[in-house]
């Protein structure tokens, strides 16, 4: 038996008792309806590993995928170092691997590196061989159809893991309107879109310089087209950009969930240290998915089934 796949299946079928009182009842619900969070970070804005662990449990998440930063370097792709630590003081490859080793029933980990470093592929290979399940979060100032992104995609293809990209206008993974070129060049790689330019472009009338647009959505934007035209394109619901996109026009979101129900994945990307209440964007996103989904089947796809399938858990 493939031990890696066996381990991942074990992770998804197991949840951990969390204590007594409210947390105990939340755990019982989580065991009945497990949740996979594909987007979380170690050391997020100074949050401790213990706080992050409690945060995930409080949200009812049963399996978390930790996304590391690349190594800190001073070059144009990291905005001369300003974007090191994913611009959020997040931990690197060794930190996410260590957390997953300490809590193997609850955490999986990814691999990451600055895409234009000469030893990038070697660094990714080290952690992919150690059971990293994803490459990302790729959050660097390079064109999204550049040789640098393609070099990272080569590793995703070789190790058969998804690749998650942060799209932000004139800031990270530039030129989302050209990403179809990458999808066509690597049809066997599953790409996951995330962040401001990804979620802003659900709207056909999106003004690119606006990171958190408000108001009614006109269907047919770049993101809508990428999801419709490419089976290897997926969407990460995480962060303030994801939540904003879901709640700005819930009538649109209901139909968006319906037509892309097999390609949307729950992620939190939440730096909160408690894990519930109005300050926890991750919990608010879970609530939005449950409220807006047309059917229970769609809700479970977004919160669990799609990630289970994509990550072969």
C-alpha atoms as a PDB file:
ATOM      1  CA  UNK A   1       0.000   0.000   0.000  1.00  0.00           C
ATOM      2  CA  UNK A   2       1.173   3.524  -0.731  1.00  0.00           C
ATOM      3  CA  UNK A   3       2.078   4.675   2.772  1.00  0.00           C
ATOM      4  CA  UNK A   4       1.700   8.375   1.945  1.00  0.00           C
ATOM      5  CA  UNK A   5      -1.850   7.981   0.666  1.00  0.00           C
ATOM      6  CA  UNK A   6      -2.672   5.634   3.530  1.00  0.00           C
ATOM      7  CA  UNK A   7      -1.463   8.235   6.029  1.00  0.00           C
ATOM      8  CA  UNK A   8      -3.532  10.950   4.388  1.00  0.00           C
ATOM      9  CA  UNK A   9      -6.673   8.807   4.422  1.00  0.00           C
ATOM     10  CA  UNK A  10      -6.067   8.158   8.106  1.00  0.00           C
ATOM     11  CA  UNK A  11      -5.770  11.891   8.761  1.00  0.00           C
ATOM     12  CA  UNK A  12      -9.091  12.662   7.190  1.00  0.00           C
ATOM     13  CA  UNK A  13     -10.931   9.890   8.999  1.00  0.00           C
ATOM     14  CA  UNK A  14      -9.682  10.872  12.433  1.00  0.00           C
ATOM     15  CA  UNK A  15     -10.574  13.817  14.621  1.00  0.00           C
ATOM     16  CA  UNK A  16      -9.304  14.736  18.050  1.00  0.00           C
ATOM     17  CA  UNK A  17     -11.188  15.207  21.287  1.00  0.00           C
ATOM     18  CA  UNK A  18     -10.864  18.839  22.272  1.00  0.00           C
ATOM     19  CA  UNK A  19     -11.891  18.952  25.900  1.00  0.00           C
ATOM     20  CA  UNK A  20     -15.120  19.796  27.647  1.00  0.00           C
ATOM     21  CA  UNK A  21     -17.941  22.304  27.417  1.00  0.00           C
ATOM     22  CA  UNK A  22     -18.499  24.252  24.199  1.00  0.00           C
ATOM     23  CA  UNK A  23     -15.347  22.925  22.533  1.00  0.00           C
ATOM     24  CA  UNK A  24     -16.471  19.347  23.205  1.00  0.00           C
ATOM     25  CA  UNK A  25     -19.794  19.956  21.485  1.00  0.00           C
ATOM     26  CA  UNK A  26     -18.062  21.664  18.560  1.00  0.00           C
ATOM     27  CA  UNK A  27     -15.849  18.594  18.213  1.00  0.00           C
ATOM     28  CA  UNK A  28     -18.844  16.272  18.143  1.00  0.00           C
ATOM     29  CA  UNK A  29     -20.305  18.317  15.284  1.00  0.00           C
ATOM     30  CA  UNK A  30     -16.953  18.322  13.486  1.00  0.00           C
ATOM     31  CA  UNK A  31     -16.742  14.533  13.717  1.00  0.00           C
ATOM     32  CA  UNK A  32     -20.158  14.285  12.083  1.00  0.00           C
ATOM     33  CA  UNK A  33     -19.306  16.898   9.455  1.00  0.00           C
ATOM     34  CA  UNK A  34     -15.537  17.165   8.998  1.00  0.00           C
ATOM     35  CA  UNK A  35     -13.991  20.287   7.494  1.00  0.00           C
ATOM     36  CA  UNK A  36     -10.749  20.590   5.555  1.00  0.00           C
ATOM     37  CA  UNK A  37      -8.971  23.950   5.694  1.00  0.00           C
ATOM     38  CA  UNK A  38      -6.543  24.151   2.767  1.00  0.00           C
ATOM     39  CA  UNK A  39      -5.015  27.508   3.715  1.00  0.00           C
ATOM     40  CA  UNK A  40      -3.416  28.225   7.070  1.00  0.00           C
ATOM     41  CA  UNK A  41      -0.004  29.480   8.236  1.00  0.00           C
ATOM     42  CA  UNK A  42       2.417  29.063  11.110  1.00  0.00           C
ATOM     43  CA  UNK A  43       3.610  32.191  12.967  1.00  0.00           C
ATOM     44  CA  UNK A  44       0.939  34.260  11.215  1.00  0.00           C
ATOM     45  CA  UNK A  45       1.515  37.866  12.379  1.00  0.00           C
ATOM     46  CA  UNK A  46       3.205  36.478  15.492  1.00  0.00           C
ATOM     47  CA  UNK A  47       0.554  33.910  16.434  1.00  0.00           C
ATOM     48  CA  UNK A  48       1.987  30.916  18.309  1.00  0.00           C
ATOM     49  CA  UNK A  49       1.579  27.320  17.198  1.00  0.00           C
ATOM     50  CA  UNK A  50      -0.510  26.635  20.312  1.00  0.00           C
ATOM     51  CA  UNK A  51      -2.848  29.502  19.462  1.00  0.00           C
ATOM     52  CA  UNK A  52      -3.153  28.329  15.874  1.00  0.00           C
ATOM     53  CA  UNK A  53      -3.957  24.787  17.019  1.00  0.00           C
ATOM     54  CA  UNK A  54      -6.729  26.051  19.308  1.00  0.00           C
ATOM     55  CA  UNK A  55      -8.000  28.336  16.544  1.00  0.00           C
ATOM     56  CA  UNK A  56      -8.422  25.465  14.093  1.00  0.00           C
ATOM     57  CA  UNK A  57     -10.129  23.272  16.661  1.00  0.00           C
ATOM     58  CA  UNK A  58     -12.479  26.046  17.711  1.00  0.00           C
ATOM     59  CA  UNK A  59     -13.524  26.550  14.075  1.00  0.00           C
ATOM     60  CA  UNK A  60     -14.375  22.846  13.855  1.00  0.00           C
ATOM     61  CA  UNK A  61     -11.641  22.113  11.304  1.00  0.00           C
ATOM     62  CA  UNK A  62     -10.558  18.474  11.329  1.00  0.00           C
ATOM     63  CA  UNK A  63      -7.709  18.617   8.796  1.00  0.00           C
ATOM     64  CA  UNK A  64      -5.553  21.681   8.130  1.00  0.00           C
ATOM     65  CA  UNK A  65      -3.022  22.199   5.344  1.00  0.00           C
ATOM     66  CA  UNK A  66      -0.210  24.543   6.365  1.00  0.00           C
ATOM     67  CA  UNK A  67       1.277  26.758   3.659  1.00  0.00           C
ATOM     68  CA  UNK A  68       4.848  27.998   4.221  1.00  0.00           C
ATOM     69  CA  UNK A  69       6.730  31.049   3.015  1.00  0.00           C
ATOM     70  CA  UNK A  70       9.847  30.855   0.859  1.00  0.00           C
ATOM     71  CA  UNK A  71      13.225  31.754   2.294  1.00  0.00           C
ATOM     72  CA  UNK A  72      13.769  35.460   3.079  1.00  0.00           C
ATOM     73  CA  UNK A  73      15.672  37.151   0.259  1.00  0.00           C
ATOM     74  CA  UNK A  74      16.163  40.697  -0.971  1.00  0.00           C
ATOM     75  CA  UNK A  75      15.146  40.786  -4.644  1.00  0.00           C
ATOM     76  CA  UNK A  76      12.500  42.230  -6.922  1.00  0.00           C
ATOM     77  CA  UNK A  77      10.227  39.181  -6.639  1.00  0.00           C
ATOM     78  CA  UNK A  78       9.924  39.776  -2.868  1.00  0.00           C
ATOM     79  CA  UNK A  79       9.597  43.556  -3.231  1.00  0.00           C
ATOM     80  CA  UNK A  80      13.195  43.844  -2.028  1.00  0.00           C
ATOM     81  CA  UNK A  81      12.423  41.780   1.047  1.00  0.00           C
ATOM     82  CA  UNK A  82       9.181  43.531   2.046  1.00  0.00           C
ATOM     83  CA  UNK A  83       7.160  40.458   1.046  1.00  0.00           C
ATOM     84  CA  UNK A  84       9.322  37.947   2.892  1.00  0.00           C
ATOM     85  CA  UNK A  85       7.264  35.679   5.135  1.00  0.00           C
ATOM     86  CA  UNK A  86       4.369  36.087   2.672  1.00  0.00           C
ATOM     87  CA  UNK A  87       4.212  39.720   3.870  1.00  0.00           C
ATOM     88  CA  UNK A  88       2.637  38.375   7.088  1.00  0.00           C
ATOM     89  CA  UNK A  89       5.582  37.051   9.131  1.00  0.00           C
ATOM     90  CA  UNK A  90       4.607  33.464   8.346  1.00  0.00           C
ATOM     91  CA  UNK A  91       6.922  30.521   8.936  1.00  0.00           C
ATOM     92  CA  UNK A  92       8.931  28.673   6.316  1.00  0.00           C
ATOM     93  CA  UNK A  93       9.073  25.069   5.149  1.00  0.00           C
ATOM     94  CA  UNK A  94      10.678  23.684   8.278  1.00  0.00           C
ATOM     95  CA  UNK A  95       8.020  25.206  10.566  1.00  0.00           C
ATOM     96  CA  UNK A  96       5.026  23.696   8.788  1.00  0.00           C
ATOM     97  CA  UNK A  97       6.706  20.316   8.539  1.00  0.00           C
ATOM     98  CA  UNK A  98       7.474  20.403  12.273  1.00  0.00           C
ATOM     99  CA  UNK A  99       3.878  21.300  13.174  1.00  0.00           C
ATOM    100  CA  UNK A 100       2.540  18.455  11.039  1.00  0.00           C
ATOM    101  CA  UNK A 101       4.932  16.035  12.714  1.00  0.00           C
ATOM    102  CA  UNK A 102       3.785  17.135  16.174  1.00  0.00           C
ATOM    103  CA  UNK A 103       0.092  16.825  15.265  1.00  0.00           C
ATOM    104  CA  UNK A 104      -0.086  14.250  12.464  1.00  0.00           C
ATOM    105  CA  UNK A 105      -3.804  13.556  12.979  1.00  0.00           C
ATOM    106  CA  UNK A 106      -4.761  17.165  12.268  1.00  0.00           C
ATOM    107  CA  UNK A 107      -2.178  18.776   9.974  1.00  0.00           C
ATOM    108  CA  UNK A 108      -0.638  18.314   6.551  1.00  0.00           C
ATOM    109  CA  UNK A 109       1.981  20.645   5.121  1.00  0.00           C
ATOM    110  CA  UNK A 110       3.030  22.257   1.884  1.00  0.00           C
ATOM    111  CA  UNK A 111       6.322  23.290   0.305  1.00  0.00           C
ATOM    112  CA  UNK A 112       7.264  26.703  -1.019  1.00  0.00           C
ATOM    113  CA  UNK A 113      10.138  28.740  -2.396  1.00  0.00           C
ATOM    114  CA  UNK A 114      10.786  32.048  -4.144  1.00  0.00           C
ATOM    115  CA  UNK A 115      10.243  31.092  -7.815  1.00  0.00           C
ATOM    116  CA  UNK A 116      13.174  32.954  -9.372  1.00  0.00           C
ATOM    117  CA  UNK A 117      15.865  31.559  -7.061  1.00  0.00           C
ATOM    118  CA  UNK A 118      18.320  29.285  -8.853  1.00  0.00           C
ATOM    119  CA  UNK A 119      17.917  26.445  -6.326  1.00  0.00           C
ATOM    120  CA  UNK A 120      14.121  26.728  -6.108  1.00  0.00           C
ATOM    121  CA  UNK A 121      13.347  23.306  -7.527  1.00  0.00           C
ATOM    122  CA  UNK A 122      15.865  21.612  -5.245  1.00  0.00           C
ATOM    123  CA  UNK A 123      14.264  23.210  -2.173  1.00  0.00           C
ATOM    124  CA  UNK A 124      10.775  22.162  -3.256  1.00  0.00           C
ATOM    125  CA  UNK A 125      11.958  18.651  -4.022  1.00  0.00           C
ATOM    126  CA  UNK A 126      13.345  18.264  -0.484  1.00  0.00           C
ATOM    127  CA  UNK A 127       9.940  18.837   1.112  1.00  0.00           C
ATOM    128  CA  UNK A 128       7.849  17.179  -1.583  1.00  0.00           C
ATOM    129  CA  UNK A 129       9.853  14.008  -1.033  1.00  0.00           C
ATOM    130  CA  UNK A 130       9.063  14.382   2.676  1.00  0.00           C
ATOM    131  CA  UNK A 131       5.290  14.213   1.958  1.00  0.00           C
ATOM    132  CA  UNK A 132       4.384  17.867   1.328  1.00  0.00           C
ATOM    133  CA  UNK A 133       0.941  17.788  -0.303  1.00  0.00           C
ATOM    134  CA  UNK A 134       0.899  21.160  -2.108  1.00  0.00           C
ATOM    135  CA  UNK A 135       3.177  23.895  -3.437  1.00  0.00           C
ATOM    136  CA  UNK A 136       2.289  27.313  -2.104  1.00  0.00           C
ATOM    137  CA  UNK A 137       1.362  29.837  -1.191  1.00  0.00           C
ATOM    138  CA  UNK A 138       3.131  31.283  -4.232  1.00  0.00           C
ATOM    139  CA  UNK A 139       2.993  35.001  -3.412  1.00  0.00           C
ATOM    140  CA  UNK A 140       5.725  36.744  -5.394  1.00  0.00           C
ATOM    141  CA  UNK A 141       6.017  39.571  -7.899  1.00  0.00           C
ATOM    142  CA  UNK A 142       6.372  37.628 -11.147  1.00  0.00           C
ATOM    143  CA  UNK A 143       4.024  37.326 -14.134  1.00  0.00           C
ATOM    144  CA  UNK A 144       1.653  34.403 -13.694  1.00  0.00           C
ATOM    145  CA  UNK A 145       2.560  33.078 -17.150  1.00  0.00           C
ATOM    146  CA  UNK A 146       6.319  33.527 -16.711  1.00  0.00           C
ATOM    147  CA  UNK A 147       9.145  31.004 -16.856  1.00  0.00           C
ATOM    148  CA  UNK A 148       9.427  31.299 -13.077  1.00  0.00           C
ATOM    149  CA  UNK A 149       5.854  30.190 -12.407  1.00  0.00           C
ATOM    150  CA  UNK A 150       6.275  27.481 -15.020  1.00  0.00           C
ATOM    151  CA  UNK A 151       9.388  26.179 -13.286  1.00  0.00           C
ATOM    152  CA  UNK A 152       7.362  25.801 -10.075  1.00  0.00           C
ATOM    153  CA  UNK A 153       4.552  24.118 -12.027  1.00  0.00           C
ATOM    154  CA  UNK A 154       7.076  21.595 -13.352  1.00  0.00           C
ATOM    155  CA  UNK A 155       7.626  20.443  -9.777  1.00  0.00           C
ATOM    156  CA  UNK A 156       3.895  20.280  -9.098  1.00  0.00           C
ATOM    157  CA  UNK A 157       3.535  18.126 -12.204  1.00  0.00           C
ATOM    158  CA  UNK A 158       6.433  15.852 -11.274  1.00  0.00           C
ATOM    159  CA  UNK A 159       5.124  15.201  -7.755  1.00  0.00           C
ATOM    160  CA  UNK A 160       1.416  15.309  -8.648  1.00  0.00           C
ATOM    161  CA  UNK A 161       0.463  17.979  -6.115  1.00  0.00           C
ATOM    162  CA  UNK A 162      -1.684  21.115  -6.499  1.00  0.00           C
ATOM    163  CA  UNK A 163      -0.158  24.594  -6.695  1.00  0.00           C
ATOM    164  CA  UNK A 164      -1.768  27.571  -4.930  1.00  0.00           C
ATOM    165  CA  UNK A 165      -1.221  31.133  -6.174  1.00  0.00           C
ATOM    166  CA  UNK A 166      -1.999  34.514  -4.623  1.00  0.00           C
ATOM    167  CA  UNK A 167      -3.199  36.859  -7.392  1.00  0.00           C
ATOM    168  CA  UNK A 168      -3.007  40.585  -6.661  1.00  0.00           C
ATOM    169  CA  UNK A 169      -3.005  43.322  -9.285  1.00  0.00           C
ATOM    170  CA  UNK A 170       0.479  44.787  -9.906  1.00  0.00           C
ATOM    171  CA  UNK A 171       1.727  43.040  -6.756  1.00  0.00           C
ATOM    172  CA  UNK A 172       1.759  39.214  -6.915  1.00  0.00           C
ATOM    173  CA  UNK A 173       1.374  36.743  -9.814  1.00  0.00           C
ATOM    174  CA  UNK A 174       0.804  39.530 -12.259  1.00  0.00           C
ATOM    175  CA  UNK A 175      -1.621  39.441 -15.178  1.00  0.00           C
ATOM    176  CA  UNK A 176      -4.374  37.041 -14.168  1.00  0.00           C
ATOM    177  CA  UNK A 177      -5.942  37.579 -17.599  1.00  0.00           C
ATOM    178  CA  UNK A 178      -2.984  35.600 -18.998  1.00  0.00           C
ATOM    179  CA  UNK A 179      -3.183  32.677 -16.585  1.00  0.00           C
ATOM    180  CA  UNK A 180      -4.989  30.556 -19.156  1.00  0.00           C
ATOM    181  CA  UNK A 181      -1.584  30.134 -20.821  1.00  0.00           C
ATOM    182  CA  UNK A 182      -0.235  28.409 -17.712  1.00  0.00           C
ATOM    183  CA  UNK A 183      -3.323  26.225 -17.377  1.00  0.00           C
ATOM    184  CA  UNK A 184      -2.961  25.122 -20.999  1.00  0.00           C
ATOM    185  CA  UNK A 185       0.779  24.476 -20.701  1.00  0.00           C
ATOM    186  CA  UNK A 186       0.261  22.272 -17.615  1.00  0.00           C
ATOM    187  CA  UNK A 187      -3.088  20.507 -18.068  1.00  0.00           C
ATOM    188  CA  UNK A 188      -2.143  17.800 -15.561  1.00  0.00           C
ATOM    189  CA  UNK A 189      -1.416  20.286 -12.761  1.00  0.00           C
ATOM    190  CA  UNK A 190      -4.258  21.403 -10.523  1.00  0.00           C
ATOM    191  CA  UNK A 191      -3.954  25.136  -9.824  1.00  0.00           C
ATOM    192  CA  UNK A 192      -5.735  26.893  -6.951  1.00  0.00           C
ATOM    193  CA  UNK A 193      -6.509  30.608  -7.234  1.00  0.00           C
ATOM    194  CA  UNK A 194      -6.617  32.877  -4.192  1.00  0.00           C
ATOM    195  CA  UNK A 195      -6.652  36.515  -3.062  1.00  0.00           C
ATOM    196  CA  UNK A 196      -7.710  39.935  -4.288  1.00  0.00           C
ATOM    197  CA  UNK A 197      -7.366  39.714  -8.068  1.00  0.00           C
ATOM    198  CA  UNK A 198      -8.745  36.179  -8.103  1.00  0.00           C
ATOM    199  CA  UNK A 199     -11.898  37.096  -6.194  1.00  0.00           C
ATOM    200  CA  UNK A 200     -12.337  40.558  -7.669  1.00  0.00           C
ATOM    201  CA  UNK A 201     -12.460  39.012 -11.125  1.00  0.00           C
ATOM    202  CA  UNK A 202     -15.596  37.008 -10.490  1.00  0.00           C
ATOM    203  CA  UNK A 203     -17.121  40.266 -11.744  1.00  0.00           C
ATOM    204  CA  UNK A 204     -17.040  41.000 -15.469  1.00  0.00           C
ATOM    205  CA  UNK A 205     -16.959  44.726 -14.643  1.00  0.00           C
ATOM    206  CA  UNK A 206     -14.180  44.488 -12.050  1.00  0.00           C
ATOM    207  CA  UNK A 207     -11.815  47.461 -11.846  1.00  0.00           C
ATOM    208  CA  UNK A 208      -8.427  45.823 -11.322  1.00  0.00           C
ATOM    209  CA  UNK A 209      -6.967  48.402  -8.947  1.00  0.00           C
ATOM    210  CA  UNK A 210      -9.798  47.838  -6.431  1.00  0.00           C
ATOM    211  CA  UNK A 211      -8.804  44.995  -4.106  1.00  0.00           C
ATOM    212  CA  UNK A 212     -12.067  44.645  -2.169  1.00  0.00           C
ATOM    213  CA  UNK A 213     -14.931  45.610  -4.507  1.00  0.00           C
ATOM    214  CA  UNK A 214     -18.464  46.028  -3.214  1.00  0.00           C
ATOM    215  CA  UNK A 215     -21.932  45.765  -4.689  1.00  0.00           C
ATOM    216  CA  UNK A 216     -23.675  43.605  -7.250  1.00  0.00           C
ATOM    217  CA  UNK A 217     -21.637  41.219  -9.380  1.00  0.00           C
ATOM    218  CA  UNK A 218     -21.929  40.875 -13.141  1.00  0.00           C
ATOM    219  CA  UNK A 219     -21.151  37.209 -13.939  1.00  0.00           C
ATOM    220  CA  UNK A 220     -18.588  36.330 -16.589  1.00  0.00           C
ATOM    221  CA  UNK A 221     -15.359  37.770 -15.194  1.00  0.00           C
ATOM    222  CA  UNK A 222     -11.912  36.250 -15.734  1.00  0.00           C
ATOM    223  CA  UNK A 223     -12.196  34.014 -12.669  1.00  0.00           C
ATOM    224  CA  UNK A 224     -15.603  32.736 -13.753  1.00  0.00           C
ATOM    225  CA  UNK A 225     -14.191  31.907 -17.192  1.00  0.00           C
ATOM    226  CA  UNK A 226     -11.106  30.139 -15.841  1.00  0.00           C
ATOM    227  CA  UNK A 227     -13.244  27.911 -13.635  1.00  0.00           C
ATOM    228  CA  UNK A 228     -15.679  27.226 -16.461  1.00  0.00           C
ATOM    229  CA  UNK A 229     -13.092  26.514 -19.158  1.00  0.00           C
ATOM    230  CA  UNK A 230     -10.398  24.585 -17.264  1.00  0.00           C
ATOM    231  CA  UNK A 231     -10.971  21.478 -15.174  1.00  0.00           C
ATOM    232  CA  UNK A 232      -7.555  21.961 -13.541  1.00  0.00           C
ATOM    233  CA  UNK A 233      -8.524  25.354 -12.076  1.00  0.00           C
ATOM    234  CA  UNK A 234      -9.819  25.549  -8.507  1.00  0.00           C
ATOM    235  CA  UNK A 235     -10.772  28.404  -6.190  1.00  0.00           C
ATOM    236  CA  UNK A 236      -9.712  28.931  -2.567  1.00  0.00           C
ATOM    237  CA  UNK A 237     -12.494  30.628  -0.566  1.00  0.00           C
ATOM    238  CA  UNK A 238     -10.081  31.991   2.041  1.00  0.00           C
ATOM    239  CA  UNK A 239      -9.063  35.386   3.398  1.00  0.00           C
ATOM    240  CA  UNK A 240     -10.879  38.688   3.533  1.00  0.00           C
ATOM    241  CA  UNK A 241     -10.943  38.749  -0.257  1.00  0.00           C
ATOM    242  CA  UNK A 242     -12.801  35.443  -0.387  1.00  0.00           C
ATOM    243  CA  UNK A 243     -15.287  36.343   2.320  1.00  0.00           C
ATOM    244  CA  UNK A 244     -15.909  39.742   0.727  1.00  0.00           C
ATOM    245  CA  UNK A 245     -16.643  38.061  -2.602  1.00  0.00           C
ATOM    246  CA  UNK A 246     -19.132  35.675  -0.980  1.00  0.00           C
ATOM    247  CA  UNK A 247     -21.150  38.240   0.942  1.00  0.00           C
ATOM    248  CA  UNK A 248     -21.103  41.276  -1.383  1.00  0.00           C
ATOM    249  CA  UNK A 249     -23.834  39.770  -3.556  1.00  0.00           C
ATOM    250  CA  UNK A 250     -25.201  36.572  -2.031  1.00  0.00           C
ATOM    251  CA  UNK A 251     -27.667  35.999  -4.859  1.00  0.00           C
ATOM    252  CA  UNK A 252     -24.718  35.861  -7.263  1.00  0.00           C
ATOM    253  CA  UNK A 253     -22.720  33.685  -4.864  1.00  0.00           C
ATOM    254  CA  UNK A 254     -25.510  31.119  -4.664  1.00  0.00           C
ATOM    255  CA  UNK A 255     -25.352  30.630  -8.444  1.00  0.00           C
ATOM    256  CA  UNK A 256     -21.537  30.830  -8.467  1.00  0.00           C
ATOM    257  CA  UNK A 257     -21.412  27.996  -5.903  1.00  0.00           C
ATOM    258  CA  UNK A 258     -23.863  26.007  -7.989  1.00  0.00           C
ATOM    259  CA  UNK A 259     -22.012  26.208 -11.298  1.00  0.00           C
ATOM    260  CA  UNK A 260     -18.540  25.738  -9.804  1.00  0.00           C
ATOM    261  CA  UNK A 261     -19.497  23.381  -6.984  1.00  0.00           C
ATOM    262  CA  UNK A 262     -16.792  20.837  -7.860  1.00  0.00           C
ATOM    263  CA  UNK A 263     -13.925  23.351  -7.994  1.00  0.00           C
ATOM    264  CA  UNK A 264     -14.282  25.466  -4.852  1.00  0.00           C
ATOM    265  CA  UNK A 265     -12.353  24.671  -1.665  1.00  0.00           C
ATOM    266  CA  UNK A 266     -12.694  26.012   1.857  1.00  0.00           C
ATOM    267  CA  UNK A 267      -9.635  27.762   3.250  1.00  0.00           C
ATOM    268  CA  UNK A 268      -9.419  30.143   6.182  1.00  0.00           C
ATOM    269  CA  UNK A 269      -6.135  32.079   5.825  1.00  0.00           C
ATOM    270  CA  UNK A 270      -7.218  33.568   9.144  1.00  0.00           C
ATOM    271  CA  UNK A 271      -4.727  35.188  11.537  1.00  0.00           C
ATOM    272  CA  UNK A 272      -7.186  35.345  14.445  1.00  0.00           C
ATOM    273  CA  UNK A 273      -5.970  33.626  17.619  1.00  0.00           C
ATOM    274  CA  UNK A 274      -9.339  32.521  19.048  1.00  0.00           C
ATOM    275  CA  UNK A 275     -11.197  30.796  16.231  1.00  0.00           C
ATOM    276  CA  UNK A 276     -14.767  31.983  16.589  1.00  0.00           C
ATOM    277  CA  UNK A 277     -16.769  35.161  16.912  1.00  0.00           C
ATOM    278  CA  UNK A 278     -16.896  38.263  14.691  1.00  0.00           C
ATOM    279  CA  UNK A 279     -13.110  38.654  14.703  1.00  0.00           C
ATOM    280  CA  UNK A 280     -12.580  35.266  13.087  1.00  0.00           C
ATOM    281  CA  UNK A 281     -12.875  35.599   9.330  1.00  0.00           C
ATOM    282  CA  UNK A 282     -12.354  31.839   8.927  1.00  0.00           C
ATOM    283  CA  UNK A 283     -15.448  31.001  10.975  1.00  0.00           C
ATOM    284  CA  UNK A 284     -17.442  33.675   9.166  1.00  0.00           C
ATOM    285  CA  UNK A 285     -16.532  32.073   5.844  1.00  0.00           C
ATOM    286  CA  UNK A 286     -17.733  28.666   7.052  1.00  0.00           C
ATOM    287  CA  UNK A 287     -20.991  30.278   8.147  1.00  0.00           C
ATOM    288  CA  UNK A 288     -21.348  32.000   4.760  1.00  0.00           C
ATOM    289  CA  UNK A 289     -20.866  28.726   2.887  1.00  0.00           C
ATOM    290  CA  UNK A 290     -23.511  27.059   5.029  1.00  0.00           C
ATOM    291  CA  UNK A 291     -25.929  29.963   4.641  1.00  0.00           C
ATOM    292  CA  UNK A 292     -25.549  30.572   0.916  1.00  0.00           C
ATOM    293  CA  UNK A 293     -25.187  27.063  -0.573  1.00  0.00           C
ATOM    294  CA  UNK A 294     -28.326  25.960  -2.402  1.00  0.00           C
ATOM    295  CA  UNK A 295     -28.121  22.431  -1.006  1.00  0.00           C
ATOM    296  CA  UNK A 296     -26.428  20.511   1.765  1.00  0.00           C
ATOM    297  CA  UNK A 297     -24.578  18.549  -0.924  1.00  0.00           C
ATOM    298  CA  UNK A 298     -22.956  21.712  -2.284  1.00  0.00           C
ATOM    299  CA  UNK A 299     -22.036  22.862   1.229  1.00  0.00           C
ATOM    300  CA  UNK A 300     -20.295  19.561   1.982  1.00  0.00           C
ATOM    301  CA  UNK A 301     -18.433  19.692  -1.329  1.00  0.00           C
ATOM    302  CA  UNK A 302     -17.024  23.133  -0.530  1.00  0.00           C
ATOM    303  CA  UNK A 303     -16.148  22.420   3.098  1.00  0.00           C
ATOM    304  CA  UNK A 304     -14.872  18.868   2.691  1.00  0.00           C
ATOM    305  CA  UNK A 305     -15.497  16.639  -0.316  1.00  0.00           C
ATOM    306  CA  UNK A 306     -13.686  18.663  -2.993  1.00  0.00           C
ATOM    307  CA  UNK A 307     -10.505  18.952  -0.930  1.00  0.00           C
ATOM    308  CA  UNK A 308     -10.685  15.303   0.065  1.00  0.00           C
ATOM    309  CA  UNK A 309     -10.762  14.372  -3.625  1.00  0.00           C
ATOM    310  CA  UNK A 310      -8.167  16.891  -4.797  1.00  0.00           C
ATOM    311  CA  UNK A 311      -5.619  15.936  -2.128  1.00  0.00           C
ATOM    312  CA  UNK A 312      -6.398  12.199  -2.408  1.00  0.00           C
ATOM    313  CA  UNK A 313      -7.197  11.965   1.283  1.00  0.00           C
END
